[in-house]
Amino acid sequence: EVQLVESGGGLVQAGGSLRLSCAASGFTFDGYGVGWFRQAPGKGREGVSCLSKNGTSTYYIHSVEGRFTISSDSARNTVYLQMNSLKPEDTAVYYCAADEDFDENLCYHASIGYDYWGQGTQVTVSS
């Protein structure tokens, strides 16, 4: 069974850091494009960051550029989202997603097309 499990969310003060983890079971991230998405209360889901299948392409939504970093650890079959200098507007439920059908060189930051999703982890940033 394919499963993605996020962890690492929590409550942090503005300016703090969190590292989100997305652990995969039932498949390996090698050969899958991966994305991190978030959804704040009353808002739609937005693509925060993504990593191409071959690991050569990344994307960050403008509001997190320079603060967030996506990475992967093949040995642990885990993808991470390091979030630094957090702001209250980063408060949301964060989801990871994966799909094997994407072009290996491209990074997909739209939620359409991702077949596998985690359950989400809450990130709350206090001012």
Foldseek 3Di string as FASTA:
>chain_A
DWAWAKDFADEEAQQAKIKIKIAIDPDALQLKKKWKWWDDPPGDIWTAKIAANQRPDMDGDPVQPPFWDWDADRVRSMIMIIGGRDDQVVWTWMKMFIDNPDDRVDTDRDPPPTDYIHPTDTHGYHD
